[in-house]
Amino acid sequence: MKKWLLLLVILAMCSCATNKNYTQNFVSKGPFKIFQVLGYNNALAWELDFMGYSTGVVVLLSNKNGQAYYDNQIIKIPRGKRAKQTSTFTYITTQDISKTVPVVEIQDK
């Protein structure tokens, strides 16, 4: 009986192991609201929830299809696509605070 109990405990502990090499990239279905344009193809934006309120997540939207961004623009993710992190971007706020945010591109699923 004790051997079976020990075997069950060992199996339970092994099933709780995680792979530390796995890194999860930021993925979102959007939409995003731009609050600062950084050049022609990049803009800082807030992720919005389904009600249109900010979730507090800031991203750098990187645009490689030539669409120009402007302040307060709402970027909706088309059906069949997603916003996926490609790298990170570090910037200094007006309060001299360093922030690192995900760089996000709209890609096919």
PDB file of N, CA and C in Angstrom:
ATOM      1  N   MET A   1       0.821  -1.197   0.000  1.00  0.00           N
ATOM      2  CA  MET A   1       0.000   0.000   0.000  1.00  0.00           C
ATOM      3  C   MET A   1       0.866   1.263   0.000  1.00  0.00           C
ATOM      4  N   LYS A   2       1.931   1.243   0.811  1.00  0.00           N
ATOM      5  CA  LYS A   2       2.805   2.407   0.888  1.00  0.00           C
ATOM      6  C   LYS A   2       3.513   2.656  -0.441  1.00  0.00           C
ATOM      7  N   LYS A   3       3.848   1.569  -1.157  1.00  0.00           N
ATOM      8  CA  LYS A   3       4.527   1.726  -2.445  1.00  0.00           C
ATOM      9  C   LYS A   3       3.607   2.407  -3.455  1.00  0.00           C
ATOM     10  N   TRP A   4       2.327   2.034  -3.446  1.00  0.00           N
ATOM     11  CA  TRP A   4       1.368   2.645  -4.364  1.00  0.00           C
ATOM     12  C   TRP A   4       1.175   4.127  -4.039  1.00  0.00           C
ATOM     13  N   LEU A   5       1.104   4.421  -2.773  1.00  0.00           N
ATOM     14  CA  LEU A   5       0.951   5.815  -2.357  1.00  0.00           C
ATOM     15  C   LEU A   5       2.179   6.639  -2.759  1.00  0.00           C
ATOM     16  N   LEU A   6       3.371   6.064  -2.559  1.00  0.00           N
ATOM     17  CA  LEU A   6       4.605   6.732  -2.947  1.00  0.00           C
ATOM     18  C   LEU A   6       4.651   6.946  -4.463  1.00  0.00           C
ATOM     19  N   LEU A   7       4.220   5.944  -5.224  1.00  0.00           N
ATOM     20  CA  LEU A   7       4.188   6.056  -6.673  1.00  0.00           C
ATOM     21  C   LEU A   7       3.238   7.172  -7.117  1.00  0.00           C
ATOM     22  N   LEU A   8       2.075   7.270  -6.497  1.00  0.00           N
ATOM     23  CA  LEU A   8       1.120   8.324  -6.831  1.00  0.00           C
ATOM     24  C   LEU A   8       1.678   9.710  -6.516  1.00  0.00           C
ATOM     25  N   VAL A   9       2.367   9.833  -5.391  1.00  0.00           N
ATOM     26  CA  VAL A   9       2.960  11.117  -5.016  1.00  0.00           C
ATOM     27  C   VAL A   9       4.043  11.515  -6.021  1.00  0.00           C
ATOM     28  N   ILE A  10       4.874  10.560  -6.420  1.00  0.00           N
ATOM     29  CA  ILE A  10       5.932  10.846  -7.396  1.00  0.00           C
ATOM     30  C   ILE A  10       5.335  11.247  -8.736  1.00  0.00           C
ATOM     31  N   LEU A  11       4.307  10.539  -9.188  1.00  0.00           N
ATOM     32  CA  LEU A  11       3.650  10.884 -10.446  1.00  0.00           C
ATOM     33  C   LEU A  11       3.028  12.277 -10.386  1.00  0.00           C
ATOM     34  N   ALA A  12       2.426  12.609  -9.264  1.00  0.00           N
ATOM     35  CA  ALA A  12       1.817  13.932  -9.112  1.00  0.00           C
ATOM     36  C   ALA A  12       2.877  15.029  -9.162  1.00  0.00           C
ATOM     37  N   MET A  13       4.019  14.795  -8.533  1.00  0.00           N
ATOM     38  CA  MET A  13       5.090  15.790  -8.534  1.00  0.00           C
ATOM     39  C   MET A  13       5.696  15.944  -9.925  1.00  0.00           C
ATOM     40  N   CYS A  14       5.838  14.856 -10.654  1.00  0.00           N
ATOM     41  CA  CYS A  14       6.408  14.924 -12.004  1.00  0.00           C
ATOM     42  C   CYS A  14       5.472  15.644 -12.966  1.00  0.00           C
ATOM     43  N   SER A  15       4.191  15.505 -12.763  1.00  0.00           N
ATOM     44  CA  SER A  15       3.246  16.160 -13.667  1.00  0.00           C
ATOM     45  C   SER A  15       3.185  17.665 -13.432  1.00  0.00           C
ATOM     46  N   CYS A  16       3.717  18.151 -12.327  1.00  0.00           N
ATOM     47  CA  CYS A  16       3.711  19.586 -12.028  1.00  0.00           C
ATOM     48  C   CYS A  16       4.955  20.299 -12.548  1.00  0.00           C
ATOM     49  N   ALA A  17       5.885  19.572 -13.152  1.00  0.00           N
ATOM     50  CA  ALA A  17       7.116  20.185 -13.654  1.00  0.00           C
ATOM     51  C   ALA A  17       6.801  21.100 -14.833  1.00  0.00           C
ATOM     52  N   THR A  18       7.549  22.184 -14.946  1.00  0.00           N
ATOM     53  CA  THR A  18       7.358  23.120 -16.054  1.00  0.00           C
ATOM     54  C   THR A  18       8.631  23.210 -16.871  1.00  0.00           C
ATOM     55  N   ASN A  19       8.492  23.632 -18.094  1.00  0.00           N
ATOM     56  CA  ASN A  19       9.627  23.834 -18.977  1.00  0.00           C
ATOM     57  C   ASN A  19      10.055  25.291 -18.867  1.00  0.00           C
ATOM     58  N   LYS A  20      11.194  25.546 -18.258  1.00  0.00           N
ATOM     59  CA  LYS A  20      11.649  26.922 -18.048  1.00  0.00           C
ATOM     60  C   LYS A  20      12.196  27.551 -19.324  1.00  0.00           C
ATOM     61  N   ASN A  21      12.439  26.750 -20.363  1.00  0.00           N
ATOM     62  CA  ASN A  21      12.937  27.292 -21.622  1.00  0.00           C
ATOM     63  C   ASN A  21      11.824  27.896 -22.462  1.00  0.00           C
ATOM     64  N   TYR A  22      10.579  27.678 -22.081  1.00  0.00           N
ATOM     65  CA  TYR A  22       9.442  28.193 -22.836  1.00  0.00           C
ATOM     66  C   TYR A  22       9.271  29.667 -22.525  1.00  0.00           C
ATOM     67  N   THR A  23       9.211  30.490 -23.559  1.00  0.00           N
ATOM     68  CA  THR A  23       8.953  31.916 -23.373  1.00  0.00           C
ATOM     69  C   THR A  23       7.669  32.273 -24.105  1.00  0.00           C
ATOM     70  N   GLN A  24       6.782  32.913 -23.416  1.00  0.00           N
ATOM     71  CA  GLN A  24       5.496  33.270 -24.006  1.00  0.00           C
ATOM     72  C   GLN A  24       5.565  34.682 -24.555  1.00  0.00           C
ATOM     73  N   ASN A  25       5.256  34.826 -25.819  1.00  0.00           N
ATOM     74  CA  ASN A  25       5.203  36.144 -26.435  1.00  0.00           C
ATOM     75  C   ASN A  25       3.832  36.753 -26.221  1.00  0.00           C
ATOM     76  N   PHE A  26       3.795  38.059 -26.165  1.00  0.00           N
ATOM     77  CA  PHE A  26       2.545  38.786 -26.031  1.00  0.00           C
ATOM     78  C   PHE A  26       1.717  38.574 -27.287  1.00  0.00           C
ATOM     79  N   VAL A  27       0.501  38.105 -27.110  1.00  0.00           N
ATOM     80  CA  VAL A  27      -0.423  37.925 -28.230  1.00  0.00           C
ATOM     81  C   VAL A  27      -1.745  38.548 -27.822  1.00  0.00           C
ATOM     82  N   SER A  28      -2.336  39.322 -28.717  1.00  0.00           N
ATOM     83  CA  SER A  28      -3.586  40.002 -28.408  1.00  0.00           C
ATOM     84  C   SER A  28      -4.496  39.989 -29.622  1.00  0.00           C
ATOM     85  N   LYS A  29      -5.781  40.067 -29.360  1.00  0.00           N
ATOM     86  CA  LYS A  29      -6.764  40.231 -30.429  1.00  0.00           C
ATOM     87  C   LYS A  29      -7.146  41.697 -30.584  1.00  0.00           C
ATOM     88  N   GLY A  30      -6.486  42.572 -29.786  1.00  0.00           N
ATOM     89  CA  GLY A  30      -6.718  44.008 -29.888  1.00  0.00           C
ATOM     90  C   GLY A  30      -8.099  44.392 -29.415  1.00  0.00           C
ATOM     91  N   PRO A  31      -8.566  45.548 -29.725  1.00  0.00           N
ATOM     92  CA  PRO A  31      -7.957  46.634 -30.497  1.00  0.00           C
ATOM     93  C   PRO A  31      -6.959  47.435 -29.663  1.00  0.00           C
ATOM     94  N   PHE A  32      -6.311  48.397 -30.326  1.00  0.00           N
ATOM     95  CA  PHE A  32      -5.337  49.264 -29.690  1.00  0.00           C
ATOM     96  C   PHE A  32      -5.688  50.719 -29.988  1.00  0.00           C
ATOM     97  N   LYS A  33      -5.353  51.604 -29.029  1.00  0.00           N
ATOM     98  CA  LYS A  33      -5.554  53.043 -29.231  1.00  0.00           C
ATOM     99  C   LYS A  33      -4.196  53.728 -29.158  1.00  0.00           C
ATOM    100  N   ILE A  34      -3.820  54.377 -30.234  1.00  0.00           N
ATOM    101  CA  ILE A  34      -2.516  55.032 -30.319  1.00  0.00           C
ATOM    102  C   ILE A  34      -2.530  56.315 -29.491  1.00  0.00           C
ATOM    103  N   PHE A  35      -1.473  56.486 -28.679  1.00  0.00           N
ATOM    104  CA  PHE A  35      -1.363  57.730 -27.920  1.00  0.00           C
ATOM    105  C   PHE A  35      -0.114  58.523 -28.279  1.00  0.00           C
ATOM    106  N   GLN A  36       0.848  57.914 -28.997  1.00  0.00           N
ATOM    107  CA  GLN A  36       2.016  58.677 -29.439  1.00  0.00           C
ATOM    108  C   GLN A  36       2.621  58.011 -30.668  1.00  0.00           C
ATOM    109  N   VAL A  37       2.747  58.778 -31.733  1.00  0.00           N
ATOM    110  CA  VAL A  37       3.358  58.278 -32.963  1.00  0.00           C
ATOM    111  C   VAL A  37       4.863  58.511 -32.881  1.00  0.00           C
ATOM    112  N   LEU A  38       5.633  57.483 -33.207  1.00  0.00           N
ATOM    113  CA  LEU A  38       7.095  57.565 -33.204  1.00  0.00           C
ATOM    114  C   LEU A  38       7.596  57.303 -34.620  1.00  0.00           C
ATOM    115  N   GLY A  39       7.646  58.326 -35.417  1.00  0.00           N
ATOM    116  CA  GLY A  39       8.060  58.137 -36.802  1.00  0.00           C
ATOM    117  C   GLY A  39       6.911  57.608 -37.648  1.00  0.00           C
ATOM    118  N   TYR A  40       7.227  57.249 -38.880  1.00  0.00           N
ATOM    119  CA  TYR A  40       6.186  56.872 -39.838  1.00  0.00           C
ATOM    120  C   TYR A  40       5.576  55.496 -39.559  1.00  0.00           C
ATOM    121  N   ASN A  41       6.375  54.520 -39.147  1.00  0.00           N
ATOM    122  CA  ASN A  41       5.893  53.142 -39.033  1.00  0.00           C
ATOM    123  C   ASN A  41       5.721  52.633 -37.612  1.00  0.00           C
ATOM    124  N   ASN A  42       5.892  53.455 -36.596  1.00  0.00           N
ATOM    125  CA  ASN A  42       5.812  52.988 -35.213  1.00  0.00           C
ATOM    126  C   ASN A  42       4.956  53.923 -34.376  1.00  0.00           C
ATOM    127  N   ALA A  43       4.249  53.324 -33.410  1.00  0.00           N
ATOM    128  CA  ALA A  43       3.423  54.133 -32.513  1.00  0.00           C
ATOM    129  C   ALA A  43       3.229  53.401 -31.195  1.00  0.00           C
ATOM    130  N   LEU A  44       3.241  54.157 -30.105  1.00  0.00           N
ATOM    131  CA  LEU A  44       2.902  53.596 -28.801  1.00  0.00           C
ATOM    132  C   LEU A  44       1.387  53.580 -28.669  1.00  0.00           C
ATOM    133  N   ALA A  45       0.866  52.478 -28.137  1.00  0.00           N
ATOM    134  CA  ALA A  45      -0.591  52.330 -28.055  1.00  0.00           C
ATOM    135  C   ALA A  45      -0.980  51.560 -26.806  1.00  0.00           C
ATOM    136  N   TRP A  46      -2.201  51.821 -26.341  1.00  0.00           N
ATOM    137  CA  TRP A  46      -2.794  51.053 -25.248  1.00  0.00           C
ATOM    138  C   TRP A  46      -3.620  49.925 -25.840  1.00  0.00           C
ATOM    139  N   GLU A  47      -3.564  48.766 -25.204  1.00  0.00           N
ATOM    140  CA  GLU A  47      -4.474  47.687 -25.573  1.00  0.00           C
ATOM    141  C   GLU A  47      -5.836  48.007 -24.962  1.00  0.00           C
ATOM    142  N   LEU A  48      -6.904  47.795 -25.715  1.00  0.00           N
ATOM    143  CA  LEU A  48      -8.261  48.054 -25.234  1.00  0.00           C
ATOM    144  C   LEU A  48      -8.991  46.738 -24.989  1.00  0.00           C
ATOM    145  N   ASP A  49      -9.896  46.755 -24.010  1.00  0.00           N
ATOM    146  CA  ASP A  49     -10.725  45.572 -23.779  1.00  0.00           C
ATOM    147  C   ASP A  49     -11.944  45.621 -24.700  1.00  0.00           C
ATOM    148  N   PHE A  50     -12.843  44.652 -24.546  1.00  0.00           N
ATOM    149  CA  PHE A  50     -14.002  44.565 -25.441  1.00  0.00           C
ATOM    150  C   PHE A  50     -14.969  45.736 -25.272  1.00  0.00           C
ATOM    151  N   MET A  51     -14.865  46.468 -24.167  1.00  0.00           N
ATOM    152  CA  MET A  51     -15.720  47.635 -23.937  1.00  0.00           C
ATOM    153  C   MET A  51     -15.072  48.931 -24.438  1.00  0.00           C
ATOM    154  N   GLY A  52     -13.820  48.853 -24.878  1.00  0.00           N
ATOM    155  CA  GLY A  52     -13.119  50.033 -25.370  1.00  0.00           C
ATOM    156  C   GLY A  52     -12.302  50.759 -24.321  1.00  0.00           C
ATOM    157  N   TYR A  53     -12.155  50.160 -23.128  1.00  0.00           N
ATOM    158  CA  TYR A  53     -11.355  50.760 -22.063  1.00  0.00           C
ATOM    159  C   TYR A  53      -9.945  50.186 -22.089  1.00  0.00           C
ATOM    160  N   SER A  54      -8.971  50.990 -21.683  1.00  0.00           N
ATOM    161  CA  SER A  54      -7.583  50.546 -21.658  1.00  0.00           C
ATOM    162  C   SER A  54      -7.389  49.441 -20.631  1.00  0.00           C
ATOM    163  N   THR A  55      -6.625  48.408 -21.025  1.00  0.00           N
ATOM    164  CA  THR A  55      -6.276  47.335 -20.091  1.00  0.00           C
ATOM    165  C   THR A  55      -5.037  47.701 -19.286  1.00  0.00           C
ATOM    166  N   GLY A  56      -4.386  48.816 -19.635  1.00  0.00           N
ATOM    167  CA  GLY A  56      -3.161  49.224 -18.961  1.00  0.00           C
ATOM    168  C   GLY A  56      -1.904  48.711 -19.646  1.00  0.00           C
ATOM    169  N   VAL A  57      -2.063  47.860 -20.659  1.00  0.00           N
ATOM    170  CA  VAL A  57      -0.920  47.319 -21.389  1.00  0.00           C
ATOM    171  C   VAL A  57      -0.529  48.295 -22.499  1.00  0.00           C
ATOM    172  N   VAL A  58       0.741  48.688 -22.508  1.00  0.00           N
ATOM    173  CA  VAL A  58       1.270  49.572 -23.546  1.00  0.00           C
ATOM    174  C   VAL A  58       2.126  48.731 -24.484  1.00  0.00           C
ATOM    175  N   VAL A  59       1.972  48.949 -25.784  1.00  0.00           N
ATOM    176  CA  VAL A  59       2.761  48.240 -26.790  1.00  0.00           C
ATOM    177  C   VAL A  59       3.292  49.242 -27.811  1.00  0.00           C
ATOM    178  N   LEU A  60       4.322  48.841 -28.526  1.00  0.00           N
ATOM    179  CA  LEU A  60       4.793  49.603 -29.680  1.00  0.00           C
ATOM    180  C   LEU A  60       4.288  48.868 -30.912  1.00  0.00           C
ATOM    181  N   LEU A  61       3.372  49.491 -31.640  1.00  0.00           N
ATOM    182  CA  LEU A  61       2.861  48.896 -32.872  1.00  0.00           C
ATOM    183  C   LEU A  61       3.856  49.177 -33.987  1.00  0.00           C
ATOM    184  N   SER A  62       4.310  48.125 -34.627  1.00  0.00           N
ATOM    185  CA  SER A  62       5.241  48.241 -35.741  1.00  0.00           C
ATOM    186  C   SER A  62       4.490  47.911 -37.017  1.00  0.00           C
ATOM    187  N   ASN A  63       4.533  48.825 -37.965  1.00  0.00           N
ATOM    188  CA  ASN A  63       3.743  48.689 -39.187  1.00  0.00           C
ATOM    189  C   ASN A  63       4.672  48.546 -40.378  1.00  0.00           C
ATOM    190  N   LYS A  64       4.554  47.418 -41.073  1.00  0.00           N
ATOM    191  CA  LYS A  64       5.406  47.199 -42.243  1.00  0.00           C
ATOM    192  C   LYS A  64       4.616  47.230 -43.542  1.00  0.00           C
ATOM    193  N   ASN A  65       3.324  47.583 -43.478  1.00  0.00           N
ATOM    194  CA  ASN A  65       2.527  47.602 -44.710  1.00  0.00           C
ATOM    195  C   ASN A  65       2.278  49.018 -45.231  1.00  0.00           C
ATOM    196  N   GLY A  66       2.917  50.018 -44.642  1.00  0.00           N
ATOM    197  CA  GLY A  66       2.835  51.370 -45.174  1.00  0.00           C
ATOM    198  C   GLY A  66       1.703  52.226 -44.643  1.00  0.00           C
ATOM    199  N   GLN A  67       0.886  51.711 -43.733  1.00  0.00           N
ATOM    200  CA  GLN A  67      -0.211  52.503 -43.173  1.00  0.00           C
ATOM    201  C   GLN A  67       0.360  53.528 -42.193  1.00  0.00           C
ATOM    202  N   ALA A  68      -0.015  54.788 -42.357  1.00  0.00           N
ATOM    203  CA  ALA A  68       0.444  55.840 -41.453  1.00  0.00           C
ATOM    204  C   ALA A  68      -0.405  55.834 -40.189  1.00  0.00           C
ATOM    205  N   TYR A  69       0.245  56.035 -39.047  1.00  0.00           N
ATOM    206  CA  TYR A  69      -0.451  56.114 -37.769  1.00  0.00           C
ATOM    207  C   TYR A  69      -0.690  57.573 -37.399  1.00  0.00           C
ATOM    208  N   TYR A  70      -1.710  57.829 -36.573  1.00  0.00           N
ATOM    209  CA  TYR A  70      -1.962  59.162 -36.035  1.00  0.00           C
ATOM    210  C   TYR A  70      -2.505  59.025 -34.616  1.00  0.00           C
ATOM    211  N   ASP A  71      -2.367  60.099 -33.813  1.00  0.00           N
ATOM    212  CA  ASP A  71      -2.802  60.082 -32.415  1.00  0.00           C
ATOM    213  C   ASP A  71      -4.292  59.781 -32.304  1.00  0.00           C
ATOM    214  N   ASN A  72      -4.642  59.019 -31.273  1.00  0.00           N
ATOM    215  CA  ASN A  72      -6.015  58.611 -30.948  1.00  0.00           C
ATOM    216  C   ASN A  72      -6.641  57.668 -31.977  1.00  0.00           C
ATOM    217  N   GLN A  73      -5.862  57.162 -32.908  1.00  0.00           N
ATOM    218  CA  GLN A  73      -6.363  56.195 -33.888  1.00  0.00           C
ATOM    219  C   GLN A  73      -6.638  54.861 -33.197  1.00  0.00           C
ATOM    220  N   ILE A  74      -7.752  54.241 -33.539  1.00  0.00           N
ATOM    221  CA  ILE A  74      -8.082  52.909 -33.032  1.00  0.00           C
ATOM    222  C   ILE A  74      -7.667  51.897 -34.099  1.00  0.00           C
ATOM    223  N   ILE A  75      -6.814  50.959 -33.714  1.00  0.00           N
ATOM    224  CA  ILE A  75      -6.355  49.908 -34.619  1.00  0.00           C
ATOM    225  C   ILE A  75      -7.089  48.628 -34.243  1.00  0.00           C
ATOM    226  N   LYS A  76      -7.929  48.149 -35.138  1.00  0.00           N
ATOM    227  CA  LYS A  76      -8.654  46.898 -34.917  1.00  0.00           C
ATOM    228  C   LYS A  76      -7.908  45.773 -35.619  1.00  0.00           C
ATOM    229  N   ILE A  77      -7.895  44.616 -34.993  1.00  0.00           N
ATOM    230  CA  ILE A  77      -7.236  43.452 -35.570  1.00  0.00           C
ATOM    231  C   ILE A  77      -8.229  42.746 -36.484  1.00  0.00           C
ATOM    232  N   PRO A  78      -7.918  42.607 -37.775  1.00  0.00           N
ATOM    233  CA  PRO A  78      -8.846  41.942 -38.691  1.00  0.00           C
ATOM    234  C   PRO A  78      -9.057  40.474 -38.317  1.00  0.00           C
ATOM    235  N   ARG A  79     -10.201  39.949 -38.700  1.00  0.00           N
ATOM    236  CA  ARG A  79     -10.508  38.541 -38.453  1.00  0.00           C
ATOM    237  C   ARG A  79      -9.450  37.670 -39.136  1.00  0.00           C
ATOM    238  N   GLY A  80      -8.997  36.645 -38.424  1.00  0.00           N
ATOM    239  CA  GLY A  80      -7.972  35.755 -38.965  1.00  0.00           C
ATOM    240  C   GLY A  80      -6.550  36.217 -38.707  1.00  0.00           C
ATOM    241  N   LYS A  81      -6.408  37.345 -37.991  1.00  0.00           N
ATOM    242  CA  LYS A  81      -5.076  37.857 -37.663  1.00  0.00           C
ATOM    243  C   LYS A  81      -4.978  38.037 -36.161  1.00  0.00           C
ATOM    244  N   ARG A  82      -3.766  38.318 -35.694  1.00  0.00           N
ATOM    245  CA  ARG A  82      -3.528  38.573 -34.274  1.00  0.00           C
ATOM    246  C   ARG A  82      -2.340  39.513 -34.139  1.00  0.00           C
ATOM    247  N   ALA A  83      -2.244  40.139 -32.992  1.00  0.00           N
ATOM    248  CA  ALA A  83      -1.100  40.994 -32.688  1.00  0.00           C
ATOM    249  C   ALA A  83      -0.091  40.138 -31.931  1.00  0.00           C
ATOM    250  N   LYS A  84       1.093  39.966 -32.496  1.00  0.00           N
ATOM    251  CA  LYS A  84       2.098  39.093 -31.898  1.00  0.00           C
ATOM    252  C   LYS A  84       3.375  39.871 -31.630  1.00  0.00           C
ATOM    253  N   GLN A  85       3.970  39.600 -30.472  1.00  0.00           N
ATOM    254  CA  GLN A  85       5.209  40.270 -30.088  1.00  0.00           C
ATOM    255  C   GLN A  85       6.361  39.768 -30.951  1.00  0.00           C
ATOM    256  N   THR A  86       7.179  40.709 -31.446  1.00  0.00           N
ATOM    257  CA  THR A  86       8.360  40.351 -32.226  1.00  0.00           C
ATOM    258  C   THR A  86       9.654  40.697 -31.498  1.00  0.00           C
ATOM    259  N   SER A  87       9.600  41.658 -30.582  1.00  0.00           N
ATOM    260  CA  SER A  87      10.771  42.047 -29.792  1.00  0.00           C
ATOM    261  C   SER A  87      10.303  42.978 -28.678  1.00  0.00           C
ATOM    262  N   THR A  88      11.225  43.731 -28.099  1.00  0.00           N
ATOM    263  CA  THR A  88      10.865  44.721 -27.080  1.00  0.00           C
ATOM    264  C   THR A  88      11.455  46.079 -27.463  1.00  0.00           C
ATOM    265  N   PHE A  89      10.898  47.123 -26.866  1.00  0.00           N
ATOM    266  CA  PHE A  89      11.322  48.497 -27.122  1.00  0.00           C
ATOM    267  C   PHE A  89      11.430  49.207 -25.784  1.00  0.00           C
ATOM    268  N   THR A  90      12.537  49.901 -25.554  1.00  0.00           N
ATOM    269  CA  THR A  90      12.749  50.643 -24.315  1.00  0.00           C
ATOM    270  C   THR A  90      12.758  52.133 -24.629  1.00  0.00           C
ATOM    271  N   TYR A  91      12.037  52.888 -23.810  1.00  0.00           N
ATOM    272  CA  TYR A  91      11.983  54.337 -23.995  1.00  0.00           C
ATOM    273  C   TYR A  91      11.967  55.019 -22.635  1.00  0.00           C
ATOM    274  N   ILE A  92      12.224  56.320 -22.631  1.00  0.00           N
ATOM    275  CA  ILE A  92      12.229  57.125 -21.407  1.00  0.00           C
ATOM    276  C   ILE A  92      10.986  58.010 -21.415  1.00  0.00           C
ATOM    277  N   THR A  93      10.214  57.972 -20.330  1.00  0.00           N
ATOM    278  CA  THR A  93       9.005  58.789 -20.234  1.00  0.00           C
ATOM    279  C   THR A  93       9.374  60.235 -19.921  1.00  0.00           C
ATOM    280  N   THR A  94       8.375  61.110 -19.942  1.00  0.00           N
ATOM    281  CA  THR A  94       8.619  62.521 -19.617  1.00  0.00           C
ATOM    282  C   THR A  94       9.012  62.704 -18.153  1.00  0.00           C
ATOM    283  N   GLN A  95       8.743  61.694 -17.315  1.00  0.00           N
ATOM    284  CA  GLN A  95       9.150  61.730 -15.905  1.00  0.00           C
ATOM    285  C   GLN A  95      10.505  61.050 -15.692  1.00  0.00           C
ATOM    286  N   ASP A  96      11.269  60.834 -16.779  1.00  0.00           N
ATOM    287  CA  ASP A  96      12.588  60.181 -16.737  1.00  0.00           C
ATOM    288  C   ASP A  96      12.533  58.763 -16.177  1.00  0.00           C
ATOM    289  N   ILE A  97      11.480  58.030 -16.498  1.00  0.00           N
ATOM    290  CA  ILE A  97      11.342  56.631 -16.097  1.00  0.00           C
ATOM    291  C   ILE A  97      11.552  55.765 -17.335  1.00  0.00           C
ATOM    292  N   SER A  98      12.419  54.770 -17.202  1.00  0.00           N
ATOM    293  CA  SER A  98      12.674  53.856 -18.314  1.00  0.00           C
ATOM    294  C   SER A  98      11.573  52.797 -18.368  1.00  0.00           C
ATOM    295  N   LYS A  99      10.977  52.623 -19.543  1.00  0.00           N
ATOM    296  CA  LYS A  99       9.909  51.638 -19.748  1.00  0.00           C
ATOM    297  C   LYS A  99      10.315  50.708 -20.886  1.00  0.00           C
ATOM    298  N   THR A 100      10.015  49.430 -20.732  1.00  0.00           N
ATOM    299  CA  THR A 100      10.215  48.450 -21.791  1.00  0.00           C
ATOM    300  C   THR A 100       8.868  47.843 -22.123  1.00  0.00           C
ATOM    301  N   VAL A 101       8.503  47.892 -23.400  1.00  0.00           N
ATOM    302  CA  VAL A 101       7.198  47.398 -23.847  1.00  0.00           C
ATOM    303  C   VAL A 101       7.404  46.427 -25.006  1.00  0.00           C
ATOM    304  N   PRO A 102       6.428  45.552 -25.249  1.00  0.00           N
ATOM    305  CA  PRO A 102       6.556  44.641 -26.384  1.00  0.00           C
ATOM    306  C   PRO A 102       6.358  45.369 -27.710  1.00  0.00           C
ATOM    307  N   VAL A 103       7.153  44.989 -28.707  1.00  0.00           N
ATOM    308  CA  VAL A 103       6.938  45.448 -30.081  1.00  0.00           C
ATOM    309  C   VAL A 103       5.988  44.445 -30.712  1.00  0.00           C
ATOM    310  N   VAL A 104       4.886  44.945 -31.262  1.00  0.00           N
ATOM    311  CA  VAL A 104       3.814  44.081 -31.744  1.00  0.00           C
ATOM    312  C   VAL A 104       3.579  44.330 -33.231  1.00  0.00           C
ATOM    313  N   GLU A 105       3.423  43.242 -33.972  1.00  0.00           N
ATOM    314  CA  GLU A 105       3.053  43.316 -35.385  1.00  0.00           C
ATOM    315  C   GLU A 105       1.765  42.533 -35.585  1.00  0.00           C
ATOM    316  N   ILE A 106       0.941  42.980 -36.508  1.00  0.00           N
ATOM    317  CA  ILE A 106      -0.287  42.259 -36.835  1.00  0.00           C
ATOM    318  C   ILE A 106       0.073  41.207 -37.874  1.00  0.00           C
ATOM    319  N   GLN A 107      -0.160  39.940 -37.510  1.00  0.00           N
ATOM    320  CA  GLN A 107       0.234  38.812 -38.349  1.00  0.00           C
ATOM    321  C   GLN A 107      -0.930  37.854 -38.524  1.00  0.00           C
ATOM    322  N   ASP A 108      -0.790  36.959 -39.510  1.00  0.00           N
ATOM    323  CA  ASP A 108      -1.766  35.883 -39.666  1.00  0.00           C
ATOM    324  C   ASP A 108      -1.660  34.941 -38.481  1.00  0.00           C
ATOM    325  N   LYS A 109      -2.786  34.299 -38.136  1.00  0.00           N
ATOM    326  CA  LYS A 109      -2.787  33.361 -37.007  1.00  0.00           C
ATOM    327  C   LYS A 109      -1.960  32.146 -37.288  1.00  0.00           C
TER     328      LYS A 109
END
